[in-house]
């Protein structure tokens, strides 16, 4: 599709910068695949790590990847709320409780 768009634009001279990146977004597809892999690995880390602190850090990775998915989908407010509420509060609370329980 990108090659057809470029070849047609050479003949017509109507290709703009935004049209090119709207119709063929390989970086967007690459980031979606990368975030999907990170989500799967983070979820597996939450389940399979025996150290609860590592498991909590993997959960933080999952929350950040979900927030980045929202950014790629142009839901910026939901992404900021995800970061503030889940990563900033819930995950820090989980880490605090785990570290507190390990100390006693």
C-alpha atoms as a PDB file:
ATOM      1  CA  UNK A   1       0.000   0.000   0.000  1.00  0.00           C
ATOM      2  CA  UNK A   2       2.819   2.416   0.820  1.00  0.00           C
ATOM      3  CA  UNK A   3       4.588   1.723  -2.461  1.00  0.00           C
ATOM      4  CA  UNK A   4       1.394   2.292  -4.447  1.00  0.00           C
ATOM      5  CA  UNK A   5       0.827   5.555  -2.616  1.00  0.00           C
ATOM      6  CA  UNK A   6       4.347   6.756  -3.399  1.00  0.00           C
ATOM      7  CA  UNK A   7       4.142   5.740  -7.050  1.00  0.00           C
ATOM      8  CA  UNK A   8       0.786   7.465  -7.468  1.00  0.00           C
ATOM      9  CA  UNK A   9       2.098  10.595  -5.769  1.00  0.00           C
ATOM     10  CA  UNK A  10       5.087  10.779  -8.090  1.00  0.00           C
ATOM     11  CA  UNK A  11       2.695  10.864 -11.024  1.00  0.00           C
ATOM     12  CA  UNK A  12       0.186  13.252  -9.455  1.00  0.00           C
ATOM     13  CA  UNK A  13       2.375  15.222  -6.959  1.00  0.00           C
ATOM     14  CA  UNK A  14      -0.333  15.179  -4.277  1.00  0.00           C
ATOM     15  CA  UNK A  15       1.455  13.256  -1.518  1.00  0.00           C
ATOM     16  CA  UNK A  16       1.715  15.183   1.721  1.00  0.00           C
ATOM     17  CA  UNK A  17       3.660  14.276   4.805  1.00  0.00           C
ATOM     18  CA  UNK A  18       0.538  13.504   6.852  1.00  0.00           C
ATOM     19  CA  UNK A  19      -0.998  11.363   4.098  1.00  0.00           C
ATOM     20  CA  UNK A  20       2.119   9.232   3.900  1.00  0.00           C
ATOM     21  CA  UNK A  21       2.271   8.564   7.640  1.00  0.00           C
ATOM     22  CA  UNK A  22      -1.474   8.133   7.976  1.00  0.00           C
ATOM     23  CA  UNK A  23      -1.695   5.437   5.321  1.00  0.00           C
ATOM     24  CA  UNK A  24       1.453   3.476   6.163  1.00  0.00           C
ATOM     25  CA  UNK A  25       2.531   3.497   9.790  1.00  0.00           C
ATOM     26  CA  UNK A  26       5.149   0.797  10.244  1.00  0.00           C
ATOM     27  CA  UNK A  27       6.443   2.317  13.487  1.00  0.00           C
ATOM     28  CA  UNK A  28       2.928   2.120  14.958  1.00  0.00           C
ATOM     29  CA  UNK A  29       2.679  -1.566  14.063  1.00  0.00           C
ATOM     30  CA  UNK A  30       6.159  -2.217  15.452  1.00  0.00           C
ATOM     31  CA  UNK A  31       5.288  -0.517  18.744  1.00  0.00           C
ATOM     32  CA  UNK A  32       2.057  -2.504  19.028  1.00  0.00           C
ATOM     33  CA  UNK A  33       3.949  -5.765  18.563  1.00  0.00           C
ATOM     34  CA  UNK A  34       6.652  -4.689  21.023  1.00  0.00           C
ATOM     35  CA  UNK A  35       4.095  -3.663  23.643  1.00  0.00           C
ATOM     36  CA  UNK A  36       2.186  -6.907  23.167  1.00  0.00           C
ATOM     37  CA  UNK A  37       5.342  -8.932  23.745  1.00  0.00           C
ATOM     38  CA  UNK A  38       6.165  -6.842  26.818  1.00  0.00           C
ATOM     39  CA  UNK A  39       2.646  -7.370  28.172  1.00  0.00           C
ATOM     40  CA  UNK A  40       2.894 -11.131  27.745  1.00  0.00           C
ATOM     41  CA  UNK A  41       6.354 -11.268  29.329  1.00  0.00           C
ATOM     42  CA  UNK A  42       5.269  -9.002  32.189  1.00  0.00           C
ATOM     43  CA  UNK A  43       2.202 -11.120  32.861  1.00  0.00           C
ATOM     44  CA  UNK A  44       4.305 -14.264  32.883  1.00  0.00           C
ATOM     45  CA  UNK A  45       6.718 -12.537  35.245  1.00  0.00           C
ATOM     46  CA  UNK A  46       3.877 -11.695  37.639  1.00  0.00           C
ATOM     47  CA  UNK A  47       2.819 -15.332  37.721  1.00  0.00           C
ATOM     48  CA  UNK A  48       6.142 -17.158  37.684  1.00  0.00           C
ATOM     49  CA  UNK A  49       8.561 -15.007  39.733  1.00  0.00           C
ATOM     50  CA  UNK A  50       9.049 -16.497  43.178  1.00  0.00           C
ATOM     51  CA  UNK A  51      10.273 -13.214  44.670  1.00  0.00           C
ATOM     52  CA  UNK A  52       7.200 -11.023  45.337  1.00  0.00           C
ATOM     53  CA  UNK A  53       9.173  -7.808  44.740  1.00  0.00           C
ATOM     54  CA  UNK A  54      10.115  -8.944  41.234  1.00  0.00           C
ATOM     55  CA  UNK A  55       6.502  -9.924  40.694  1.00  0.00           C
ATOM     56  CA  UNK A  56       5.366  -6.436  41.736  1.00  0.00           C
ATOM     57  CA  UNK A  57       7.870  -4.850  39.354  1.00  0.00           C
ATOM     58  CA  UNK A  58       6.518  -7.057  36.562  1.00  0.00           C
ATOM     59  CA  UNK A  59       3.028  -5.861  37.431  1.00  0.00           C
ATOM     60  CA  UNK A  60       4.299  -2.289  37.114  1.00  0.00           C
ATOM     61  CA  UNK A  61       5.652  -3.149  33.668  1.00  0.00           C
ATOM     62  CA  UNK A  62       2.233  -4.479  32.682  1.00  0.00           C
ATOM     63  CA  UNK A  63       0.541  -1.281  33.909  1.00  0.00           C
ATOM     64  CA  UNK A  64       2.990   0.915  31.980  1.00  0.00           C
ATOM     65  CA  UNK A  65       2.496  -1.142  28.793  1.00  0.00           C
ATOM     66  CA  UNK A  66      -1.280  -0.808  29.121  1.00  0.00           C
ATOM     67  CA  UNK A  67      -0.824   2.944  29.495  1.00  0.00           C
ATOM     68  CA  UNK A  68       1.343   3.028  26.362  1.00  0.00           C
ATOM     69  CA  UNK A  69      -1.379   1.114  24.507  1.00  0.00           C
ATOM     70  CA  UNK A  70      -3.782   3.898  25.474  1.00  0.00           C
ATOM     71  CA  UNK A  71      -1.326   6.500  24.169  1.00  0.00           C
ATOM     72  CA  UNK A  72      -1.039   4.680  20.840  1.00  0.00           C
ATOM     73  CA  UNK A  73      -4.844   4.628  20.661  1.00  0.00           C
ATOM     74  CA  UNK A  74      -4.974   8.420  21.268  1.00  0.00           C
ATOM     75  CA  UNK A  75      -6.664   8.098  24.685  1.00  0.00           C
ATOM     76  CA  UNK A  76      -4.205  10.339  26.463  1.00  0.00           C
ATOM     77  CA  UNK A  77      -6.343  11.148  29.503  1.00  0.00           C
ATOM     78  CA  UNK A  78      -6.971   7.462  30.202  1.00  0.00           C
ATOM     79  CA  UNK A  79      -3.234   6.808  29.817  1.00  0.00           C
ATOM     80  CA  UNK A  80      -2.361   9.480  32.370  1.00  0.00           C
ATOM     81  CA  UNK A  81      -5.041   8.182  34.743  1.00  0.00           C
ATOM     82  CA  UNK A  82      -3.660   4.652  34.302  1.00  0.00           C
ATOM     83  CA  UNK A  83      -0.157   5.843  35.165  1.00  0.00           C
ATOM     84  CA  UNK A  84      -1.214   7.927  38.148  1.00  0.00           C
ATOM     85  CA  UNK A  85      -3.694   5.516  39.691  1.00  0.00           C
ATOM     86  CA  UNK A  86      -2.287   2.094  38.946  1.00  0.00           C
ATOM     87  CA  UNK A  87       1.444   2.618  38.618  1.00  0.00           C
ATOM     88  CA  UNK A  88       1.688   5.571  40.966  1.00  0.00           C
ATOM     89  CA  UNK A  89      -0.597   4.360  43.724  1.00  0.00           C
ATOM     90  CA  UNK A  90      -1.582   0.707  43.503  1.00  0.00           C
ATOM     91  CA  UNK A  91       1.809  -0.679  42.487  1.00  0.00           C
ATOM     92  CA  UNK A  92       3.656   1.472  45.041  1.00  0.00           C
ATOM     93  CA  UNK A  93       1.212   0.279  47.713  1.00  0.00           C
ATOM     94  CA  UNK A  94       1.818  -3.350  46.713  1.00  0.00           C
ATOM     95  CA  UNK A  95       5.584  -2.831  46.880  1.00  0.00           C
ATOM     96  CA  UNK A  96       5.291  -1.126  50.262  1.00  0.00           C
ATOM     97  CA  UNK A  97       3.200  -3.964  51.711  1.00  0.00           C
ATOM     98  CA  UNK A  98       5.490  -6.653  50.281  1.00  0.00           C
ATOM     99  CA  UNK A  99       8.602  -4.950  51.636  1.00  0.00           C
ATOM    100  CA  UNK A 100       6.907  -4.374  54.985  1.00  0.00           C
ATOM    101  CA  UNK A 101       5.817  -8.008  55.257  1.00  0.00           C
ATOM    102  CA  UNK A 102       9.294  -9.271  54.290  1.00  0.00           C
ATOM    103  CA  UNK A 103      10.836  -7.250  57.090  1.00  0.00           C
ATOM    104  CA  UNK A 104       8.738  -8.794  59.860  1.00  0.00           C
END
